[in-house]
Amino acid sequence: MENFNERKHRQAQPKKNRSNASNEHTSRGFVPERPERKFRHCTCEGEALALKNQRLLALLREQPRGFDDATGAPNVLVITQRFRREHARHMRHFVAFLREQNIRYR
């Protein structure tokens, strides 16, 4: 016969910690698969390079200019971020061209 005067103990069950279980998200949501950008520098040579530099200089001269601190004249060509982004492939040789021609761009 069972002794009903003694208390029966339940078997120990592992407790579930709900706060940790809800914070562990293995998913990052929807992440679209996009190919990596491949930046390629310009491969212009010779006459094509010279013509491209002249075209970029003409486009840059249409942009608003900066003022020279010493004279106060608006003779500094300002290369904006938009211009850099649009013509990023050619910036390497275009900036070198501006230095050779002693054209202020800063």
PDB file of N, CA and C in Angstrom:
ATOM      1  N   MET A   1       0.809  -1.176   0.000  1.00  0.00           N
ATOM      2  CA  MET A   1       0.000   0.000   0.000  1.00  0.00           C
ATOM      3  C   MET A   1       0.853   1.242   0.000  1.00  0.00           C
ATOM      4  N   GLU A   2       0.266   2.274  -0.566  1.00  0.00           N
ATOM      5  CA  GLU A   2       0.984   3.544  -0.638  1.00  0.00           C
ATOM      6  C   GLU A   2       0.767   4.337   0.631  1.00  0.00           C
ATOM      7  N   ASN A   3       1.776   5.086   0.942  1.00  0.00           N
ATOM      8  CA  ASN A   3       1.671   5.964   2.083  1.00  0.00           C
ATOM      9  C   ASN A   3       1.194   7.321   1.594  1.00  0.00           C
ATOM     10  N   PHE A   4      -0.016   7.706   1.864  1.00  0.00           N
ATOM     11  CA  PHE A   4      -0.589   8.950   1.385  1.00  0.00           C
ATOM     12  C   PHE A   4      -0.208  10.135   2.251  1.00  0.00           C
ATOM     13  N   ASN A   5       0.443   9.905   3.328  1.00  0.00           N
ATOM     14  CA  ASN A   5       0.846  11.001   4.182  1.00  0.00           C
ATOM     15  C   ASN A   5       2.126  11.682   3.674  1.00  0.00           C
ATOM     16  N   GLU A   6       2.879  10.979   2.865  1.00  0.00           N
ATOM     17  CA  GLU A   6       4.108  11.578   2.323  1.00  0.00           C
ATOM     18  C   GLU A   6       3.824  12.285   1.009  1.00  0.00           C
ATOM     19  N   ARG A   7       4.573  13.295   0.760  1.00  0.00           N
ATOM     20  CA  ARG A   7       4.391  14.090  -0.458  1.00  0.00           C
ATOM     21  C   ARG A   7       5.135  13.446  -1.615  1.00  0.00           C
ATOM     22  N   LYS A   8       4.494  13.352  -2.762  1.00  0.00           N
ATOM     23  CA  LYS A   8       5.148  12.809  -3.934  1.00  0.00           C
ATOM     24  C   LYS A   8       5.876  13.933  -4.659  1.00  0.00           C
ATOM     25  N   HIS A   9       7.097  13.698  -5.008  1.00  0.00           N
ATOM     26  CA  HIS A   9       7.892  14.699  -5.739  1.00  0.00           C
ATOM     27  C   HIS A   9       7.810  14.420  -7.229  1.00  0.00           C
ATOM     28  N   ARG A  10       7.636  15.486  -7.961  1.00  0.00           N
ATOM     29  CA  ARG A  10       7.610  15.346  -9.419  1.00  0.00           C
ATOM     30  C   ARG A  10       9.023  15.137  -9.928  1.00  0.00           C
ATOM     31  N   GLN A  11       9.105  14.490 -11.070  1.00  0.00           N
ATOM     32  CA  GLN A  11      10.419  14.328 -11.676  1.00  0.00           C
ATOM     33  C   GLN A  11      10.875  15.675 -12.244  1.00  0.00           C
ATOM     34  N   ALA A  12      12.151  15.949 -12.091  1.00  0.00           N
ATOM     35  CA  ALA A  12      12.692  17.229 -12.557  1.00  0.00           C
ATOM     36  C   ALA A  12      12.706  17.264 -14.086  1.00  0.00           C
ATOM     37  N   GLN A  13      12.075  18.289 -14.639  1.00  0.00           N
ATOM     38  CA  GLN A  13      12.071  18.475 -16.083  1.00  0.00           C
ATOM     39  C   GLN A  13      12.877  19.721 -16.410  1.00  0.00           C
ATOM     40  N   PRO A  14      13.606  19.697 -17.539  1.00  0.00           N
ATOM     41  CA  PRO A  14      14.383  20.901 -17.882  1.00  0.00           C
ATOM     42  C   PRO A  14      13.450  22.075 -18.170  1.00  0.00           C
ATOM     43  N   LYS A  15      13.774  23.196 -17.571  1.00  0.00           N
ATOM     44  CA  LYS A  15      12.940  24.380 -17.755  1.00  0.00           C
ATOM     45  C   LYS A  15      13.269  25.030 -19.096  1.00  0.00           C
ATOM     46  N   LYS A  16      12.263  25.507 -19.754  1.00  0.00           N
ATOM     47  CA  LYS A  16      12.443  26.216 -21.027  1.00  0.00           C
ATOM     48  C   LYS A  16      12.552  27.708 -20.729  1.00  0.00           C
ATOM     49  N   ASN A  17      13.621  28.274 -21.187  1.00  0.00           N
ATOM     50  CA  ASN A  17      13.803  29.706 -21.018  1.00  0.00           C
ATOM     51  C   ASN A  17      13.233  30.389 -22.259  1.00  0.00           C
ATOM     52  N   ARG A  18      12.045  30.895 -22.154  1.00  0.00           N
ATOM     53  CA  ARG A  18      11.353  31.447 -23.307  1.00  0.00           C
ATOM     54  C   ARG A  18      11.996  32.726 -23.817  1.00  0.00           C
ATOM     55  N   SER A  19      12.601  33.500 -22.978  1.00  0.00           N
ATOM     56  CA  SER A  19      13.186  34.761 -23.433  1.00  0.00           C
ATOM     57  C   SER A  19      14.374  34.508 -24.367  1.00  0.00           C
ATOM     58  N   ASN A  20      15.195  33.518 -24.076  1.00  0.00           N
ATOM     59  CA  ASN A  20      16.330  33.218 -24.952  1.00  0.00           C
ATOM     60  C   ASN A  20      15.875  32.588 -26.255  1.00  0.00           C
ATOM     61  N   ALA A  21      14.865  31.738 -26.173  1.00  0.00           N
ATOM     62  CA  ALA A  21      14.396  31.058 -27.374  1.00  0.00           C
ATOM     63  C   ALA A  21      13.788  32.048 -28.360  1.00  0.00           C
ATOM     64  N   SER A  22      13.129  33.069 -27.877  1.00  0.00           N
ATOM     65  CA  SER A  22      12.488  34.032 -28.779  1.00  0.00           C
ATOM     66  C   SER A  22      13.496  35.011 -29.368  1.00  0.00           C
ATOM     67  N   ASN A  23      14.631  35.224 -28.712  1.00  0.00           N
ATOM     68  CA  ASN A  23      15.625  36.174 -29.211  1.00  0.00           C
ATOM     69  C   ASN A  23      16.592  35.573 -30.219  1.00  0.00           C
ATOM     70  N   GLU A  24      16.611  34.284 -30.339  1.00  0.00           N
ATOM     71  CA  GLU A  24      17.550  33.647 -31.261  1.00  0.00           C
ATOM     72  C   GLU A  24      16.909  33.512 -32.634  1.00  0.00           C
ATOM     73  N   HIS A  25      17.154  34.494 -33.473  1.00  0.00           N
ATOM     74  CA  HIS A  25      16.618  34.463 -34.829  1.00  0.00           C
ATOM     75  C   HIS A  25      17.714  33.992 -35.770  1.00  0.00           C
ATOM     76  N   THR A  26      17.494  32.875 -36.393  1.00  0.00           N
ATOM     77  CA  THR A  26      18.482  32.391 -37.347  1.00  0.00           C
ATOM     78  C   THR A  26      18.279  33.023 -38.706  1.00  0.00           C
ATOM     79  N   SER A  27      17.126  33.594 -38.944  1.00  0.00           N
ATOM     80  CA  SER A  27      16.825  34.198 -40.238  1.00  0.00           C
ATOM     81  C   SER A  27      17.172  35.678 -40.218  1.00  0.00           C
ATOM     82  N   ARG A  28      17.615  36.200 -41.369  1.00  0.00           N
ATOM     83  CA  ARG A  28      17.907  37.631 -41.490  1.00  0.00           C
ATOM     84  C   ARG A  28      16.814  38.327 -42.282  1.00  0.00           C
ATOM     85  N   GLY A  29      15.723  37.670 -42.511  1.00  0.00           N
ATOM     86  CA  GLY A  29      14.681  38.251 -43.337  1.00  0.00           C
ATOM     87  C   GLY A  29      15.011  38.041 -44.800  1.00  0.00           C
ATOM     88  N   PHE A  30      14.375  38.781 -45.655  1.00  0.00           N
ATOM     89  CA  PHE A  30      14.616  38.647 -47.088  1.00  0.00           C
ATOM     90  C   PHE A  30      15.869  39.413 -47.473  1.00  0.00           C
ATOM     91  N   VAL A  31      16.849  38.719 -47.992  1.00  0.00           N
ATOM     92  CA  VAL A  31      18.080  39.340 -48.475  1.00  0.00           C
ATOM     93  C   VAL A  31      18.214  38.971 -49.942  1.00  0.00           C
ATOM     94  N   PRO A  32      18.049  39.954 -50.839  1.00  0.00           N
ATOM     95  CA  PRO A  32      18.129  39.623 -52.261  1.00  0.00           C
ATOM     96  C   PRO A  32      19.556  39.267 -52.656  1.00  0.00           C
ATOM     97  N   GLU A  33      19.669  38.363 -53.578  1.00  0.00           N
ATOM     98  CA  GLU A  33      20.985  37.979 -54.069  1.00  0.00           C
ATOM     99  C   GLU A  33      21.342  38.880 -55.237  1.00  0.00           C
ATOM    100  N   ARG A  34      22.386  39.655 -55.054  1.00  0.00           N
ATOM    101  CA  ARG A  34      22.832  40.566 -56.095  1.00  0.00           C
ATOM    102  C   ARG A  34      24.274  40.232 -56.436  1.00  0.00           C
ATOM    103  N   PRO A  35      24.616  40.311 -57.675  1.00  0.00           N
ATOM    104  CA  PRO A  35      26.018  40.083 -58.017  1.00  0.00           C
ATOM    105  C   PRO A  35      26.876  41.242 -57.518  1.00  0.00           C
ATOM    106  N   GLU A  36      28.115  40.943 -57.178  1.00  0.00           N
ATOM    107  CA  GLU A  36      29.011  41.982 -56.696  1.00  0.00           C
ATOM    108  C   GLU A  36      29.353  42.927 -57.834  1.00  0.00           C
ATOM    109  N   ARG A  37      29.537  44.195 -57.474  1.00  0.00           N
ATOM    110  CA  ARG A  37      29.897  45.177 -58.480  1.00  0.00           C
ATOM    111  C   ARG A  37      31.326  44.943 -58.929  1.00  0.00           C
ATOM    112  N   LYS A  38      31.509  45.039 -60.195  1.00  0.00           N
ATOM    113  CA  LYS A  38      32.848  44.871 -60.744  1.00  0.00           C
ATOM    114  C   LYS A  38      33.299  46.210 -61.306  1.00  0.00           C
ATOM    115  N   PHE A  39      34.204  46.859 -60.601  1.00  0.00           N
ATOM    116  CA  PHE A  39      34.701  48.160 -61.045  1.00  0.00           C
ATOM    117  C   PHE A  39      35.874  47.939 -61.969  1.00  0.00           C
ATOM    118  N   ARG A  40      35.771  48.504 -63.147  1.00  0.00           N
ATOM    119  CA  ARG A  40      36.855  48.390 -64.115  1.00  0.00           C
ATOM    120  C   ARG A  40      37.356  49.780 -64.466  1.00  0.00           C
ATOM    121  N   HIS A  41      38.654  49.954 -64.414  1.00  0.00           N
ATOM    122  CA  HIS A  41      39.231  51.228 -64.805  1.00  0.00           C
ATOM    123  C   HIS A  41      39.213  51.368 -66.314  1.00  0.00           C
ATOM    124  N   CYS A  42      39.369  52.589 -66.758  1.00  0.00           N
ATOM    125  CA  CYS A  42      39.335  52.914 -68.177  1.00  0.00           C
ATOM    126  C   CYS A  42      40.525  52.266 -68.898  1.00  0.00           C
ATOM    127  N   THR A  43      40.287  51.837 -70.114  1.00  0.00           N
ATOM    128  CA  THR A  43      41.358  51.238 -70.918  1.00  0.00           C
ATOM    129  C   THR A  43      41.672  52.103 -72.139  1.00  0.00           C
ATOM    130  N   CYS A  44      41.304  53.382 -72.082  1.00  0.00           N
ATOM    131  CA  CYS A  44      41.573  54.293 -73.203  1.00  0.00           C
ATOM    132  C   CYS A  44      43.081  54.480 -73.366  1.00  0.00           C
ATOM    133  N   GLU A  45      43.502  54.626 -74.617  1.00  0.00           N
ATOM    134  CA  GLU A  45      44.919  54.863 -74.892  1.00  0.00           C
ATOM    135  C   GLU A  45      45.039  55.864 -76.032  1.00  0.00           C
ATOM    136  N   GLY A  46      46.127  56.616 -76.000  1.00  0.00           N
ATOM    137  CA  GLY A  46      46.466  57.488 -77.118  1.00  0.00           C
ATOM    138  C   GLY A  46      45.448  58.580 -77.377  1.00  0.00           C
ATOM    139  N   GLU A  47      44.972  58.627 -78.621  1.00  0.00           N
ATOM    140  CA  GLU A  47      44.077  59.704 -79.034  1.00  0.00           C
ATOM    141  C   GLU A  47      42.716  59.614 -78.335  1.00  0.00           C
ATOM    142  N   ALA A  48      42.233  58.406 -78.119  1.00  0.00           N
ATOM    143  CA  ALA A  48      40.959  58.231 -77.430  1.00  0.00           C
ATOM    144  C   ALA A  48      41.039  58.774 -76.004  1.00  0.00           C
ATOM    145  N   LEU A  49      42.182  58.589 -75.364  1.00  0.00           N
ATOM    146  CA  LEU A  49      42.378  59.101 -74.003  1.00  0.00           C
ATOM    147  C   LEU A  49      42.375  60.620 -73.994  1.00  0.00           C
ATOM    148  N   ALA A  50      43.057  61.226 -74.950  1.00  0.00           N
ATOM    149  CA  ALA A  50      43.105  62.688 -75.028  1.00  0.00           C
ATOM    150  C   ALA A  50      41.726  63.267 -75.306  1.00  0.00           C
ATOM    151  N   LEU A  51      40.971  62.638 -76.205  1.00  0.00           N
ATOM    152  CA  LEU A  51      39.623  63.118 -76.503  1.00  0.00           C
ATOM    153  C   LEU A  51      38.704  62.984 -75.292  1.00  0.00           C
ATOM    154  N   LYS A  52      38.822  61.890 -74.563  1.00  0.00           N
ATOM    155  CA  LYS A  52      37.995  61.690 -73.371  1.00  0.00           C
ATOM    156  C   LYS A  52      38.313  62.735 -72.309  1.00  0.00           C
ATOM    157  N   ASN A  53      39.606  63.041 -72.131  1.00  0.00           N
ATOM    158  CA  ASN A  53      39.986  64.072 -71.165  1.00  0.00           C
ATOM    159  C   ASN A  53      39.407  65.421 -71.560  1.00  0.00           C
ATOM    160  N   GLN A  54      39.414  65.743 -72.841  1.00  0.00           N
ATOM    161  CA  GLN A  54      38.863  67.018 -73.302  1.00  0.00           C
ATOM    162  C   GLN A  54      37.349  67.064 -73.088  1.00  0.00           C
ATOM    163  N   ARG A  55      36.666  65.950 -73.336  1.00  0.00           N
ATOM    164  CA  ARG A  55      35.215  65.906 -73.118  1.00  0.00           C
ATOM    165  C   ARG A  55      34.876  66.075 -71.640  1.00  0.00           C
ATOM    166  N   LEU A  56      35.635  65.404 -70.784  1.00  0.00           N
ATOM    167  CA  LEU A  56      35.392  65.524 -69.346  1.00  0.00           C
ATOM    168  C   LEU A  56      35.674  66.942 -68.858  1.00  0.00           C
ATOM    169  N   LEU A  57      36.705  67.579 -69.416  1.00  0.00           N
ATOM    170  CA  LEU A  57      37.017  68.955 -69.041  1.00  0.00           C
ATOM    171  C   LEU A  57      35.891  69.895 -69.469  1.00  0.00           C
ATOM    172  N   ALA A  58      35.329  69.666 -70.656  1.00  0.00           N
ATOM    173  CA  ALA A  58      34.211  70.495 -71.113  1.00  0.00           C
ATOM    174  C   ALA A  58      32.998  70.307 -70.202  1.00  0.00           C
ATOM    175  N   LEU A  59      32.729  69.062 -69.779  1.00  0.00           N
ATOM    176  CA  LEU A  59      31.621  68.811 -68.854  1.00  0.00           C
ATOM    177  C   LEU A  59      31.870  69.456 -67.493  1.00  0.00           C
ATOM    178  N   LEU A  60      33.104  69.412 -67.041  1.00  0.00           N
ATOM    179  CA  LEU A  60      33.442  69.985 -65.738  1.00  0.00           C
ATOM    180  C   LEU A  60      33.338  71.500 -65.763  1.00  0.00           C
ATOM    181  N   ARG A  61      33.633  72.107 -66.892  1.00  0.00           N
ATOM    182  CA  ARG A  61      33.537  73.568 -66.987  1.00  0.00           C
ATOM    183  C   ARG A  61      32.094  74.053 -66.959  1.00  0.00           C
ATOM    184  N   GLU A  62      31.141  73.171 -67.256  1.00  0.00           N
ATOM    185  CA  GLU A  62      29.728  73.533 -67.175  1.00  0.00           C
ATOM    186  C   GLU A  62      29.215  73.507 -65.739  1.00  0.00           C
ATOM    187  N   GLN A  63      29.924  72.834 -64.843  1.00  0.00           N
ATOM    188  CA  GLN A  63      29.524  72.721 -63.440  1.00  0.00           C
ATOM    189  C   GLN A  63      29.800  74.046 -62.717  1.00  0.00           C
ATOM    190  N   PRO A  64      29.112  74.278 -61.590  1.00  0.00           N
ATOM    191  CA  PRO A  64      29.411  75.487 -60.790  1.00  0.00           C
ATOM    192  C   PRO A  64      30.861  75.464 -60.312  1.00  0.00           C
ATOM    193  N   ARG A  65      31.460  76.626 -60.234  1.00  0.00           N
ATOM    194  CA  ARG A  65      32.876  76.738 -59.874  1.00  0.00           C
ATOM    195  C   ARG A  65      33.047  77.174 -58.425  1.00  0.00           C
ATOM    196  N   GLY A  66      34.245  76.927 -57.936  1.00  0.00           N
ATOM    197  CA  GLY A  66      34.608  77.383 -56.604  1.00  0.00           C
ATOM    198  C   GLY A  66      35.419  78.667 -56.704  1.00  0.00           C
ATOM    199  N   PHE A  67      35.492  79.402 -55.607  1.00  0.00           N
ATOM    200  CA  PHE A  67      36.200  80.672 -55.590  1.00  0.00           C
ATOM    201  C   PHE A  67      37.622  80.487 -55.071  1.00  0.00           C
ATOM    202  N   ASP A  68      38.553  81.180 -55.708  1.00  0.00           N
ATOM    203  CA  ASP A  68      39.943  81.181 -55.274  1.00  0.00           C
ATOM    204  C   ASP A  68      40.050  82.043 -54.025  1.00  0.00           C
ATOM    205  N   ASP A  69      40.710  81.534 -52.994  1.00  0.00           N
ATOM    206  CA  ASP A  69      40.815  82.274 -51.731  1.00  0.00           C
ATOM    207  C   ASP A  69      41.666  83.532 -51.872  1.00  0.00           C
ATOM    208  N   ALA A  70      42.703  83.467 -52.677  1.00  0.00           N
ATOM    209  CA  ALA A  70      43.617  84.597 -52.793  1.00  0.00           C
ATOM    210  C   ALA A  70      43.013  85.742 -53.610  1.00  0.00           C
ATOM    211  N   THR A  71      42.414  85.422 -54.750  1.00  0.00           N
ATOM    212  CA  THR A  71      41.919  86.474 -55.639  1.00  0.00           C
ATOM    213  C   THR A  71      40.417  86.687 -55.539  1.00  0.00           C
ATOM    214  N   GLY A  72      39.685  85.705 -55.087  1.00  0.00           N
ATOM    215  CA  GLY A  72      38.232  85.825 -55.008  1.00  0.00           C
ATOM    216  C   GLY A  72      37.550  85.562 -56.339  1.00  0.00           C
ATOM    217  N   ALA A  73      38.307  85.138 -57.335  1.00  0.00           N
ATOM    218  CA  ALA A  73      37.744  84.867 -58.659  1.00  0.00           C
ATOM    219  C   ALA A  73      37.222  83.429 -58.719  1.00  0.00           C
ATOM    220  N   PRO A  74      36.129  83.218 -59.444  1.00  0.00           N
ATOM    221  CA  PRO A  74      35.583  81.853 -59.549  1.00  0.00           C
ATOM    222  C   PRO A  74      36.305  81.041 -60.620  1.00  0.00           C
ATOM    223  N   ASN A  75      37.551  80.702 -60.369  1.00  0.00           N
ATOM    224  CA  ASN A  75      38.329  79.981 -61.378  1.00  0.00           C
ATOM    225  C   ASN A  75      38.751  78.585 -60.938  1.00  0.00           C
ATOM    226  N   VAL A  76      38.174  78.059 -59.875  1.00  0.00           N
ATOM    227  CA  VAL A  76      38.514  76.722 -59.403  1.00  0.00           C
ATOM    228  C   VAL A  76      37.403  75.769 -59.848  1.00  0.00           C
ATOM    229  N   LEU A  77      37.760  74.772 -60.655  1.00  0.00           N
ATOM    230  CA  LEU A  77      36.790  73.779 -61.093  1.00  0.00           C
ATOM    231  C   LEU A  77      36.558  72.799 -59.948  1.00  0.00           C
ATOM    232  N   VAL A  78      35.317  72.579 -59.606  1.00  0.00           N
ATOM    233  CA  VAL A  78      34.969  71.712 -58.482  1.00  0.00           C
ATOM    234  C   VAL A  78      34.448  70.388 -59.023  1.00  0.00           C
ATOM    235  N   ILE A  79      35.127  69.301 -58.657  1.00  0.00           N
ATOM    236  CA  ILE A  79      34.673  67.971 -59.044  1.00  0.00           C
ATOM    237  C   ILE A  79      33.716  67.492 -57.964  1.00  0.00           C
ATOM    238  N   THR A  80      32.428  67.472 -58.283  1.00  0.00           N
ATOM    239  CA  THR A  80      31.410  67.077 -57.311  1.00  0.00           C
ATOM    240  C   THR A  80      31.377  65.564 -57.172  1.00  0.00           C
ATOM    241  N   GLN A  81      30.712  65.103 -56.125  1.00  0.00           N
ATOM    242  CA  GLN A  81      30.579  63.663 -55.914  1.00  0.00           C
ATOM    243  C   GLN A  81      29.792  63.024 -57.043  1.00  0.00           C
ATOM    244  N   ARG A  82      28.806  63.738 -57.548  1.00  0.00           N
ATOM    245  CA  ARG A  82      28.012  63.191 -58.649  1.00  0.00           C
ATOM    246  C   ARG A  82      28.869  63.010 -59.895  1.00  0.00           C
ATOM    247  N   PHE A  83      29.710  64.020 -60.190  1.00  0.00           N
ATOM    248  CA  PHE A  83      30.603  63.932 -61.349  1.00  0.00           C
ATOM    249  C   PHE A  83      31.574  62.770 -61.169  1.00  0.00           C
ATOM    250  N   ARG A  84      32.118  62.631 -59.960  1.00  0.00           N
ATOM    251  CA  ARG A  84      33.035  61.518 -59.677  1.00  0.00           C
ATOM    252  C   ARG A  84      32.361  60.169 -59.871  1.00  0.00           C
ATOM    253  N   ARG A  85      31.128  60.061 -59.402  1.00  0.00           N
ATOM    254  CA  ARG A  85      30.403  58.799 -59.488  1.00  0.00           C
ATOM    255  C   ARG A  85      30.073  58.455 -60.937  1.00  0.00           C
ATOM    256  N   GLU A  86      29.647  59.453 -61.708  1.00  0.00           N
ATOM    257  CA  GLU A  86      29.279  59.199 -63.096  1.00  0.00           C
ATOM    258  C   GLU A  86      30.476  58.828 -63.959  1.00  0.00           C
ATOM    259  N   HIS A  87      31.630  59.427 -63.677  1.00  0.00           N
ATOM    260  CA  HIS A  87      32.819  59.219 -64.501  1.00  0.00           C
ATOM    261  C   HIS A  87      33.934  58.558 -63.699  1.00  0.00           C
ATOM    262  N   ALA A  88      33.565  57.642 -62.810  1.00  0.00           N
ATOM    263  CA  ALA A  88      34.542  57.025 -61.913  1.00  0.00           C
ATOM    264  C   ALA A  88      35.615  56.256 -62.669  1.00  0.00           C
ATOM    265  N   ARG A  89      35.250  55.650 -63.776  1.00  0.00           N
ATOM    266  CA  ARG A  89      36.227  54.867 -64.542  1.00  0.00           C
ATOM    267  C   ARG A  89      37.381  55.735 -65.037  1.00  0.00           C
ATOM    268  N   HIS A  90      37.086  56.984 -65.320  1.00  0.00           N
ATOM    269  CA  HIS A  90      38.075  57.853 -65.952  1.00  0.00           C
ATOM    270  C   HIS A  90      38.780  58.794 -64.967  1.00  0.00           C
ATOM    271  N   MET A  91      38.414  58.760 -63.701  1.00  0.00           N
ATOM    272  CA  MET A  91      38.972  59.720 -62.745  1.00  0.00           C
ATOM    273  C   MET A  91      40.482  59.598 -62.608  1.00  0.00           C
ATOM    274  N   ARG A  92      41.021  58.413 -62.726  1.00  0.00           N
ATOM    275  CA  ARG A  92      42.461  58.230 -62.548  1.00  0.00           C
ATOM    276  C   ARG A  92      43.243  59.049 -63.574  1.00  0.00           C
ATOM    277  N   HIS A  93      42.896  58.918 -64.837  1.00  0.00           N
ATOM    278  CA  HIS A  93      43.668  59.651 -65.846  1.00  0.00           C
ATOM    279  C   HIS A  93      43.188  61.087 -66.000  1.00  0.00           C
ATOM    280  N   PHE A  94      41.943  61.389 -65.621  1.00  0.00           N
ATOM    281  CA  PHE A  94      41.457  62.752 -65.756  1.00  0.00           C
ATOM    282  C   PHE A  94      42.101  63.673 -64.721  1.00  0.00           C
ATOM    283  N   VAL A  95      42.243  63.211 -63.498  1.00  0.00           N
ATOM    284  CA  VAL A  95      42.891  64.023 -62.461  1.00  0.00           C
ATOM    285  C   VAL A  95      44.365  64.239 -62.808  1.00  0.00           C
ATOM    286  N   ALA A  96      45.009  63.210 -63.349  1.00  0.00           N
ATOM    287  CA  ALA A  96      46.404  63.375 -63.786  1.00  0.00           C
ATOM    288  C   ALA A  96      46.489  64.405 -64.914  1.00  0.00           C
ATOM    289  N   PHE A  97      45.506  64.397 -65.812  1.00  0.00           N
ATOM    290  CA  PHE A  97      45.456  65.378 -66.902  1.00  0.00           C
ATOM    291  C   PHE A  97      45.301  66.792 -66.352  1.00  0.00           C
ATOM    292  N   LEU A  98      44.429  66.975 -65.349  1.00  0.00           N
ATOM    293  CA  LEU A  98      44.234  68.300 -64.757  1.00  0.00           C
ATOM    294  C   LEU A  98      45.517  68.792 -64.092  1.00  0.00           C
ATOM    295  N   ARG A  99      46.252  67.897 -63.440  1.00  0.00           N
ATOM    296  CA  ARG A  99      47.525  68.295 -62.817  1.00  0.00           C
ATOM    297  C   ARG A  99      48.550  68.713 -63.862  1.00  0.00           C
ATOM    298  N   GLU A 100      48.622  67.961 -64.956  1.00  0.00           N
ATOM    299  CA  GLU A 100      49.578  68.299 -66.020  1.00  0.00           C
ATOM    300  C   GLU A 100      49.278  69.660 -66.627  1.00  0.00           C
ATOM    301  N   GLN A 101      47.996  69.973 -66.769  1.00  0.00           N
ATOM    302  CA  GLN A 101      47.582  71.241 -67.374  1.00  0.00           C
ATOM    303  C   GLN A 101      47.556  72.392 -66.373  1.00  0.00           C
ATOM    304  N   ASN A 102      47.912  72.124 -65.125  1.00  0.00           N
ATOM    305  CA  ASN A 102      47.892  73.121 -64.037  1.00  0.00           C
ATOM    306  C   ASN A 102      46.518  73.757 -63.891  1.00  0.00           C
ATOM    307  N   ILE A 103      45.476  72.929 -63.952  1.00  0.00           N
ATOM    308  CA  ILE A 103      44.112  73.397 -63.763  1.00  0.00           C
ATOM    309  C   ILE A 103      43.710  73.071 -62.329  1.00  0.00           C
ATOM    310  N   ARG A 104      43.258  74.082 -61.604  1.00  0.00           N
ATOM    311  CA  ARG A 104      42.858  73.866 -60.208  1.00  0.00           C
ATOM    312  C   ARG A 104      41.513  73.175 -60.165  1.00  0.00           C
ATOM    313  N   TYR A 105      41.452  72.104 -59.410  1.00  0.00           N
ATOM    314  CA  TYR A 105      40.208  71.363 -59.289  1.00  0.00           C
ATOM    315  C   TYR A 105      39.820  71.147 -57.830  1.00  0.00           C
ATOM    316  N   ARG A 106      40.543  71.744 -56.911  1.00  0.00           N
ATOM    317  CA  ARG A 106      40.235  71.618 -55.485  1.00  0.00           C
ATOM    318  C   ARG A 106      39.992  72.977 -54.891  1.00  0.00           C
TER     319      ARG A 106
END
